[in-house]
Amino acid sequence: MAELVYRPVIGLAKTLFKVWDLKIDCQGSENIPRSGGAVLVSNHISYLDFIFNGLAALPQKRLVRFMAKEAVFRHRISGPLMRGMKHIPVDREQGEAAYAHALDSLRSGEVIGVFPEATISQSFTLKSFKSGAARLAQDAGVPLIPMAVWGTQRLWTKGQARNFKRDHLPVTIRVGEAVEAPRDQYAGAITRRLREAVQELLEAAQRAYPARPKGTEDSWWLPAHLGGTAPTVEQLRTAEAH
C-alpha cells in the first residue's frame, strides 16, 4: 500500500523540480545497494533534504523510509503522506519505539534514511553526529551509506524565507561508498568514520557547486569559512545562551 502513496509523491516532486527549474547534479547513486537493508546517512541543511536524499536512491529503484520528528506526522497535510510512505515517526523523549521500528524495517530489506545531526545546521557546517545510525546498522547487520547535499538551503531552511521561484538554483548531491558497521566495534568509532565520510562528500559537493553569492546580501547561504555570512557555530551557541 505504501507505494500507492510514495510513487505519486515522487512524480509530484519531479514535476516541482521542473517547474522550479532546479539544476540537480547527483553522483554516486550506484553506491546505494539495489537490494537489502541499508542506512542512508546525510547532512542536514534544509527542510527539503529528505526529498533530495530520496531522489538519489531512485536510480537504484529504492524507496527510502526516513526517520522524522513525530510532529510532522501530526500535521493535517504532511501526516497522512508521511504515514502512507512508511516513514518512521521519532519521539525524541521516547525514541525506543522508533528505533525498534527502523530495525524491523532494515531487517526486512528496507533503506532507512537518518540525519545524525538531528536538527538543521544553521551554520551549514557539519555538526556532531549521534550514534543511532551506527547502532542501527550494527544491530541489523547492514551497511551505512554516507551522502551529502548542498544548495538545498537556498530553497527552504530554518530562519530564512522559502524560495520556490524559477531561479535555476543548483542542487548538488554526492553519495559515497559504504561504511561498514561491524558488531565488534564501538558505535562511537564507527560514527566518527561515518562523519568523516560525510564531511568529505560535503566538501566535494561544495567544490562542484556552480554558483556563488551575487553579493553580501546573498551570501547568507555560504558558511563563514567559505567567505559567506552564515552564522558560525560559536555565534549560534552564544545566541542560544542568551
C-alpha atoms as a PDB file:
ATOM      1  CA  MET A   1       0.000   0.000   0.000  1.00  0.00           C
ATOM      2  CA  ALA A   2       2.878   2.393   0.734  1.00  0.00           C
ATOM      3  CA  GLU A   3       3.909   2.649  -2.899  1.00  0.00           C
ATOM      4  CA  LEU A   4       0.392   3.767  -3.853  1.00  0.00           C
ATOM      5  CA  VAL A   5       1.290   6.959  -1.988  1.00  0.00           C
ATOM      6  CA  TYR A   6       5.069   7.088  -2.421  1.00  0.00           C
ATOM      7  CA  ARG A   7       5.248   6.868  -6.225  1.00  0.00           C
ATOM      8  CA  PRO A   8       2.711   9.665  -6.914  1.00  0.00           C
ATOM      9  CA  VAL A   9       4.588  11.856  -4.415  1.00  0.00           C
ATOM     10  CA  ILE A  10       7.830  11.161  -6.314  1.00  0.00           C
ATOM     11  CA  GLY A  11       6.067  12.170  -9.527  1.00  0.00           C
ATOM     12  CA  LEU A  12       4.853  15.393  -7.908  1.00  0.00           C
ATOM     13  CA  ALA A  13       8.342  16.189  -6.607  1.00  0.00           C
ATOM     14  CA  LYS A  14       9.882  15.674 -10.058  1.00  0.00           C
ATOM     15  CA  THR A  15       7.250  17.962 -11.579  1.00  0.00           C
ATOM     16  CA  LEU A  16       8.004  20.668  -8.995  1.00  0.00           C
ATOM     17  CA  PHE A  17      11.725  20.365  -9.698  1.00  0.00           C
ATOM     18  CA  LYS A  18      10.994  21.062 -13.368  1.00  0.00           C
ATOM     19  CA  VAL A  19       8.674  23.958 -12.534  1.00  0.00           C
ATOM     20  CA  TRP A  20      11.337  25.470 -10.276  1.00  0.00           C
ATOM     21  CA  ASP A  21      13.943  24.697 -12.959  1.00  0.00           C
ATOM     22  CA  LEU A  22      16.366  23.209 -10.447  1.00  0.00           C
ATOM     23  CA  LYS A  23      19.767  22.171 -11.771  1.00  0.00           C
ATOM     24  CA  ILE A  24      20.337  18.868  -9.951  1.00  0.00           C
ATOM     25  CA  ASP A  25      23.763  17.238 -10.077  1.00  0.00           C
ATOM     26  CA  CYS A  26      23.654  13.803  -8.438  1.00  0.00           C
ATOM     27  CA  GLN A  27      26.639  11.443  -8.403  1.00  0.00           C
ATOM     28  CA  GLY A  28      27.300   8.176  -6.594  1.00  0.00           C
ATOM     29  CA  SER A  29      23.828   6.633  -6.591  1.00  0.00           C
ATOM     30  CA  GLU A  30      25.405   3.313  -7.580  1.00  0.00           C
ATOM     31  CA  ASN A  31      26.754   3.098  -4.013  1.00  0.00           C
ATOM     32  CA  ILE A  32      23.219   2.522  -2.730  1.00  0.00           C
ATOM     33  CA  PRO A  33      22.560  -1.247  -2.797  1.00  0.00           C
ATOM     34  CA  ARG A  34      19.869  -2.432  -5.212  1.00  0.00           C
ATOM     35  CA  SER A  35      18.525  -4.864  -2.630  1.00  0.00           C
ATOM     36  CA  GLY A  36      18.727  -5.499   1.093  1.00  0.00           C
ATOM     37  CA  GLY A  37      18.745  -3.178   4.052  1.00  0.00           C
ATOM     38  CA  ALA A  38      20.952  -0.081   4.357  1.00  0.00           C
ATOM     39  CA  VAL A  39      21.107   3.085   6.448  1.00  0.00           C
ATOM     40  CA  LEU A  40      21.369   6.214   4.288  1.00  0.00           C
ATOM     41  CA  VAL A  41      23.063   8.999   6.274  1.00  0.00           C
ATOM     42  CA  SER A  42      23.122  12.651   5.227  1.00  0.00           C
ATOM     43  CA  ASN A  43      23.994  16.129   6.411  1.00  0.00           C
ATOM     44  CA  HIS A  44      21.002  18.349   7.204  1.00  0.00           C
ATOM     45  CA  ILE A  45      20.759  21.952   5.947  1.00  0.00           C
ATOM     46  CA  SER A  46      17.185  22.250   4.653  1.00  0.00           C
ATOM     47  CA  TYR A  47      13.615  21.198   5.357  1.00  0.00           C
ATOM     48  CA  LEU A  48      13.687  19.566   1.907  1.00  0.00           C
ATOM     49  CA  ASP A  49      16.818  17.441   2.300  1.00  0.00           C
ATOM     50  CA  PHE A  50      14.891  14.184   2.603  1.00  0.00           C
ATOM     51  CA  ILE A  51      13.362  14.705  -0.842  1.00  0.00           C
ATOM     52  CA  PHE A  52      16.788  15.018  -2.475  1.00  0.00           C
ATOM     53  CA  ASN A  53      18.178  12.135  -0.418  1.00  0.00           C
ATOM     54  CA  GLY A  54      15.323  10.005  -1.718  1.00  0.00           C
ATOM     55  CA  LEU A  55      15.939  11.215  -5.265  1.00  0.00           C
ATOM     56  CA  ALA A  56      19.481   9.851  -5.092  1.00  0.00           C
ATOM     57  CA  ALA A  57      18.139   6.354  -4.411  1.00  0.00           C
ATOM     58  CA  LEU A  58      15.744   6.236  -7.378  1.00  0.00           C
ATOM     59  CA  PRO A  59      18.336   5.119  -9.981  1.00  0.00           C
ATOM     60  CA  GLN A  60      18.785   2.008  -7.833  1.00  0.00           C
ATOM     61  CA  LYS A  61      14.992   1.574  -7.698  1.00  0.00           C
ATOM     62  CA  ARG A  62      14.964   2.049  -3.924  1.00  0.00           C
ATOM     63  CA  LEU A  63      12.430   3.944  -1.825  1.00  0.00           C
ATOM     64  CA  VAL A  64      13.882   5.405   1.373  1.00  0.00           C
ATOM     65  CA  ARG A  65      11.929   5.370   4.653  1.00  0.00           C
ATOM     66  CA  PHE A  66      13.047   8.391   6.675  1.00  0.00           C
ATOM     67  CA  MET A  67      13.135   8.822  10.415  1.00  0.00           C
ATOM     68  CA  ALA A  68      11.491  12.187  11.138  1.00  0.00           C
ATOM     69  CA  LYS A  69      10.243  14.049  14.168  1.00  0.00           C
ATOM     70  CA  GLU A  70       6.830  12.965  15.336  1.00  0.00           C
ATOM     71  CA  ALA A  71       5.290  16.448  14.961  1.00  0.00           C
ATOM     72  CA  VAL A  72       5.479  16.141  11.160  1.00  0.00           C
ATOM     73  CA  PHE A  73       3.179  13.109  11.364  1.00  0.00           C
ATOM     74  CA  ARG A  74       0.562  15.122  13.291  1.00  0.00           C
ATOM     75  CA  HIS A  75       0.260  17.771  10.566  1.00  0.00           C
ATOM     76  CA  ARG A  76      -3.038  17.533   8.671  1.00  0.00           C
ATOM     77  CA  ILE A  77      -1.339  17.533   5.252  1.00  0.00           C
ATOM     78  CA  SER A  78       2.103  16.011   5.790  1.00  0.00           C
ATOM     79  CA  GLY A  79       0.919  13.456   8.355  1.00  0.00           C
ATOM     80  CA  PRO A  80      -1.117  11.195   6.036  1.00  0.00           C
ATOM     81  CA  LEU A  81       1.606  11.419   3.373  1.00  0.00           C
ATOM     82  CA  MET A  82       4.389  10.522   5.801  1.00  0.00           C
ATOM     83  CA  ARG A  83       2.441   7.560   7.141  1.00  0.00           C
ATOM     84  CA  GLY A  84       1.451   6.451   3.646  1.00  0.00           C
ATOM     85  CA  MET A  85       5.099   6.422   2.566  1.00  0.00           C
ATOM     86  CA  LYS A  86       6.045   4.356   5.641  1.00  0.00           C
ATOM     87  CA  HIS A  87       8.349   6.972   7.087  1.00  0.00           C
ATOM     88  CA  ILE A  88       9.150   6.486  10.767  1.00  0.00           C
ATOM     89  CA  PRO A  89       7.985   8.938  13.484  1.00  0.00           C
ATOM     90  CA  VAL A  90      10.555   9.757  16.159  1.00  0.00           C
ATOM     91  CA  ASP A  91       9.504  10.939  19.596  1.00  0.00           C
ATOM     92  CA  ARG A  92      12.740  12.391  20.956  1.00  0.00           C
ATOM     93  CA  GLU A  93      11.661  11.690  24.539  1.00  0.00           C
ATOM     94  CA  GLN A  94      10.763   8.070  23.814  1.00  0.00           C
ATOM     95  CA  GLY A  95      13.000   7.006  20.968  1.00  0.00           C
ATOM     96  CA  GLU A  96      12.935   3.270  21.693  1.00  0.00           C
ATOM     97  CA  ALA A  97       9.796   2.646  19.609  1.00  0.00           C
ATOM     98  CA  ALA A  98      11.237   4.463  16.571  1.00  0.00           C
ATOM     99  CA  TYR A  99      14.498   2.533  16.907  1.00  0.00           C
ATOM    100  CA  ALA A 100      12.652  -0.797  17.019  1.00  0.00           C
ATOM    101  CA  HIS A 101      10.513   0.235  14.029  1.00  0.00           C
ATOM    102  CA  ALA A 102      13.610   1.196  11.998  1.00  0.00           C
ATOM    103  CA  LEU A 103      15.387  -2.023  12.976  1.00  0.00           C
ATOM    104  CA  ASP A 104      12.455  -4.144  11.822  1.00  0.00           C
ATOM    105  CA  SER A 105      12.372  -2.247   8.525  1.00  0.00           C
ATOM    106  CA  LEU A 106      16.108  -2.754   7.953  1.00  0.00           C
ATOM    107  CA  ARG A 107      15.845  -6.471   8.693  1.00  0.00           C
ATOM    108  CA  SER A 108      13.031  -6.727   6.160  1.00  0.00           C
ATOM    109  CA  GLY A 109      15.298  -5.203   3.495  1.00  0.00           C
ATOM    110  CA  GLU A 110      14.303  -1.531   3.560  1.00  0.00           C
ATOM    111  CA  VAL A 111      16.575   1.504   3.159  1.00  0.00           C
ATOM    112  CA  ILE A 112      16.232   3.810   6.169  1.00  0.00           C
ATOM    113  CA  GLY A 113      17.192   7.488   5.959  1.00  0.00           C
ATOM    114  CA  VAL A 114      18.771   9.147   9.001  1.00  0.00           C
ATOM    115  CA  PHE A 115      20.001  12.671   9.770  1.00  0.00           C
ATOM    116  CA  PRO A 116      22.506  12.020  12.575  1.00  0.00           C
ATOM    117  CA  GLU A 117      22.877  15.735  13.332  1.00  0.00           C
ATOM    118  CA  ALA A 118      19.210  15.504  14.463  1.00  0.00           C
ATOM    119  CA  THR A 119      18.415  19.119  13.525  1.00  0.00           C
ATOM    120  CA  ILE A 120      19.193  21.513  10.674  1.00  0.00           C
ATOM    121  CA  SER A 121      22.668  23.048  10.845  1.00  0.00           C
ATOM    122  CA  GLN A 122      22.190  26.817  10.602  1.00  0.00           C
ATOM    123  CA  SER A 123      25.936  27.296  10.122  1.00  0.00           C
ATOM    124  CA  PHE A 124      25.688  24.942   7.105  1.00  0.00           C
ATOM    125  CA  THR A 125      28.686  23.075   8.504  1.00  0.00           C
ATOM    126  CA  LEU A 126      28.597  19.528   9.799  1.00  0.00           C
ATOM    127  CA  LYS A 127      27.552  19.234  13.441  1.00  0.00           C
ATOM    128  CA  SER A 128      28.412  16.338  15.744  1.00  0.00           C
ATOM    129  CA  PHE A 129      26.708  13.026  14.925  1.00  0.00           C
ATOM    130  CA  LYS A 130      24.547  10.992  17.242  1.00  0.00           C
ATOM    131  CA  SER A 131      25.410   7.285  17.242  1.00  0.00           C
ATOM    132  CA  GLY A 132      21.932   5.924  16.451  1.00  0.00           C
ATOM    133  CA  ALA A 133      22.628   5.328  12.746  1.00  0.00           C
ATOM    134  CA  ALA A 134      25.740   3.284  13.530  1.00  0.00           C
ATOM    135  CA  ARG A 135      23.938   1.254  16.181  1.00  0.00           C
ATOM    136  CA  LEU A 136      21.072   0.539  13.787  1.00  0.00           C
ATOM    137  CA  ALA A 137      23.481  -0.690  11.118  1.00  0.00           C
ATOM    138  CA  GLN A 138      25.289  -2.860  13.653  1.00  0.00           C
ATOM    139  CA  ASP A 139      22.116  -4.407  15.057  1.00  0.00           C
ATOM    140  CA  ALA A 140      20.615  -5.050  11.607  1.00  0.00           C
ATOM    141  CA  GLY A 141      23.865  -6.188  10.001  1.00  0.00           C
ATOM    142  CA  VAL A 142      23.571  -3.665   7.138  1.00  0.00           C
ATOM    143  CA  PRO A 143      25.938  -1.044   5.646  1.00  0.00           C
ATOM    144  CA  LEU A 144      25.911   2.692   6.261  1.00  0.00           C
ATOM    145  CA  ILE A 145      25.720   4.772   3.062  1.00  0.00           C
ATOM    146  CA  PRO A 146      27.100   8.305   3.530  1.00  0.00           C
ATOM    147  CA  MET A 147      25.839  11.167   1.409  1.00  0.00           C
ATOM    148  CA  ALA A 148      25.802  14.958   1.307  1.00  0.00           C
ATOM    149  CA  VAL A 149      23.540  17.586  -0.217  1.00  0.00           C
ATOM    150  CA  TRP A 150      24.410  21.192  -0.996  1.00  0.00           C
ATOM    151  CA  GLY A 151      22.271  24.059  -2.291  1.00  0.00           C
ATOM    152  CA  THR A 152      19.040  22.853  -0.682  1.00  0.00           C
ATOM    153  CA  GLN A 153      19.395  25.546   1.994  1.00  0.00           C
ATOM    154  CA  ARG A 154      18.719  28.139  -0.704  1.00  0.00           C
ATOM    155  CA  LEU A 155      15.234  26.675  -1.237  1.00  0.00           C
ATOM    156  CA  TRP A 156      13.992  26.462   2.353  1.00  0.00           C
ATOM    157  CA  THR A 157      15.879  26.393   5.612  1.00  0.00           C
ATOM    158  CA  LYS A 158      15.496  27.419   9.220  1.00  0.00           C
ATOM    159  CA  GLY A 159      15.364  31.176   9.726  1.00  0.00           C
ATOM    160  CA  GLN A 160      15.036  32.045   6.035  1.00  0.00           C
ATOM    161  CA  ALA A 161      12.074  32.614   3.720  1.00  0.00           C
ATOM    162  CA  ARG A 162      11.162  29.888   1.245  1.00  0.00           C
ATOM    163  CA  ASN A 163      12.378  30.417  -2.305  1.00  0.00           C
ATOM    164  CA  PHE A 164      10.345  28.414  -4.802  1.00  0.00           C
ATOM    165  CA  LYS A 165      10.872  30.798  -7.724  1.00  0.00           C
ATOM    166  CA  ARG A 166      12.273  29.775 -11.099  1.00  0.00           C
ATOM    167  CA  ASP A 167      15.757  30.920 -10.137  1.00  0.00           C
ATOM    168  CA  HIS A 168      17.563  27.973 -11.800  1.00  0.00           C
ATOM    169  CA  LEU A 169      19.067  27.079  -8.430  1.00  0.00           C
ATOM    170  CA  PRO A 170      21.642  24.280  -8.483  1.00  0.00           C
ATOM    171  CA  VAL A 171      21.478  21.389  -6.024  1.00  0.00           C
ATOM    172  CA  THR A 172      24.485  19.087  -5.685  1.00  0.00           C
ATOM    173  CA  ILE A 173      24.207  15.557  -4.269  1.00  0.00           C
ATOM    174  CA  ARG A 174      27.081  13.191  -3.584  1.00  0.00           C
ATOM    175  CA  VAL A 175      26.736   9.572  -2.386  1.00  0.00           C
ATOM    176  CA  GLY A 176      29.790   7.749  -1.083  1.00  0.00           C
ATOM    177  CA  GLU A 177      30.932   4.176  -0.692  1.00  0.00           C
ATOM    178  CA  ALA A 178      29.518   2.094   2.140  1.00  0.00           C
ATOM    179  CA  VAL A 179      30.890   2.416   5.657  1.00  0.00           C
ATOM    180  CA  GLU A 180      30.776  -0.981   7.335  1.00  0.00           C
ATOM    181  CA  ALA A 181      29.450  -1.321  10.879  1.00  0.00           C
ATOM    182  CA  PRO A 182      30.918  -4.471  12.463  1.00  0.00           C
ATOM    183  CA  ARG A 183      29.244  -5.569  15.684  1.00  0.00           C
ATOM    184  CA  ASP A 184      32.587  -5.997  17.437  1.00  0.00           C
ATOM    185  CA  GLN A 185      33.456  -2.296  17.109  1.00  0.00           C
ATOM    186  CA  TYR A 186      32.298   0.607  19.257  1.00  0.00           C
ATOM    187  CA  ALA A 187      29.425   2.590  17.755  1.00  0.00           C
ATOM    188  CA  GLY A 188      31.323   5.773  18.590  1.00  0.00           C
ATOM    189  CA  ALA A 189      34.298   4.757  16.430  1.00  0.00           C
ATOM    190  CA  ILE A 190      32.011   3.835  13.535  1.00  0.00           C
ATOM    191  CA  THR A 191      30.189   7.153  13.929  1.00  0.00           C
ATOM    192  CA  ARG A 192      33.482   9.064  13.702  1.00  0.00           C
ATOM    193  CA  ARG A 193      34.363   7.273  10.454  1.00  0.00           C
ATOM    194  CA  LEU A 194      30.877   7.934   9.135  1.00  0.00           C
ATOM    195  CA  ARG A 195      31.075  11.638   9.928  1.00  0.00           C
ATOM    196  CA  GLU A 196      34.460  11.869   8.209  1.00  0.00           C
ATOM    197  CA  ALA A 197      32.958  10.259   5.103  1.00  0.00           C
ATOM    198  CA  VAL A 198      30.011  12.686   5.071  1.00  0.00           C
ATOM    199  CA  GLN A 199      32.398  15.620   5.603  1.00  0.00           C
ATOM    200  CA  GLU A 200      34.467  14.568   2.569  1.00  0.00           C
ATOM    201  CA  LEU A 201      31.308  14.275   0.461  1.00  0.00           C
ATOM    202  CA  LEU A 202      30.067  17.660   1.665  1.00  0.00           C
ATOM    203  CA  GLU A 203      33.341  19.298   0.680  1.00  0.00           C
ATOM    204  CA  ALA A 204      33.191  17.575  -2.716  1.00  0.00           C
ATOM    205  CA  ALA A 205      29.634  18.834  -3.241  1.00  0.00           C
ATOM    206  CA  GLN A 206      30.681  22.365  -2.282  1.00  0.00           C
ATOM    207  CA  ARG A 207      33.647  22.299  -4.677  1.00  0.00           C
ATOM    208  CA  ALA A 208      31.389  21.108  -7.500  1.00  0.00           C
ATOM    209  CA  TYR A 209      28.663  23.667  -6.780  1.00  0.00           C
ATOM    210  CA  PRO A 210      28.479  26.015  -9.783  1.00  0.00           C
ATOM    211  CA  ALA A 211      27.080  29.127  -8.060  1.00  0.00           C
ATOM    212  CA  ARG A 212      28.452  31.823  -5.788  1.00  0.00           C
ATOM    213  CA  PRO A 213      26.628  34.547  -3.859  1.00  0.00           C
ATOM    214  CA  LYS A 214      25.688  37.531  -6.007  1.00  0.00           C
ATOM    215  CA  GLY A 215      26.663  39.946  -3.253  1.00  0.00           C
ATOM    216  CA  THR A 216      26.778  40.450   0.507  1.00  0.00           C
ATOM    217  CA  GLU A 217      23.001  40.214   0.893  1.00  0.00           C
ATOM    218  CA  ASP A 218      23.010  36.895  -0.957  1.00  0.00           C
ATOM    219  CA  SER A 219      25.893  35.370   0.999  1.00  0.00           C
ATOM    220  CA  TRP A 220      23.754  34.094   3.902  1.00  0.00           C
ATOM    221  CA  TRP A 221      23.729  30.540   2.476  1.00  0.00           C
ATOM    222  CA  LEU A 222      27.518  30.187   2.417  1.00  0.00           C
ATOM    223  CA  PRO A 223      29.384  29.142   5.597  1.00  0.00           C
ATOM    224  CA  ALA A 224      31.712  31.687   7.179  1.00  0.00           C
ATOM    225  CA  HIS A 225      34.825  29.585   6.474  1.00  0.00           C
ATOM    226  CA  LEU A 226      33.975  29.720   2.754  1.00  0.00           C
ATOM    227  CA  GLY A 227      33.558  33.503   2.808  1.00  0.00           C
ATOM    228  CA  GLY A 228      29.816  33.648   3.473  1.00  0.00           C
ATOM    229  CA  THR A 229      27.798  35.317   6.216  1.00  0.00           C
ATOM    230  CA  ALA A 230      26.067  32.258   7.698  1.00  0.00           C
ATOM    231  CA  PRO A 231      26.447  32.301  11.495  1.00  0.00           C
ATOM    232  CA  THR A 232      29.332  30.328  12.912  1.00  0.00           C
ATOM    233  CA  VAL A 233      28.828  27.529  15.422  1.00  0.00           C
ATOM    234  CA  GLU A 234      30.212  29.823  18.129  1.00  0.00           C
ATOM    235  CA  GLN A 235      27.777  32.623  17.225  1.00  0.00           C
ATOM    236  CA  LEU A 236      24.863  30.198  17.338  1.00  0.00           C
ATOM    237  CA  ARG A 237      25.930  28.894  20.743  1.00  0.00           C
ATOM    238  CA  THR A 238      26.178  32.463  22.086  1.00  0.00           C
ATOM    239  CA  ALA A 239      22.712  33.294  20.726  1.00  0.00           C
ATOM    240  CA  GLU A 240      21.218  30.159  22.324  1.00  0.00           C
ATOM    241  CA  ALA A 241      22.821  31.014  25.667  1.00  0.00           C
ATOM    242  CA  HIS A 242      21.029  34.351  25.661  1.00  0.00           C
END
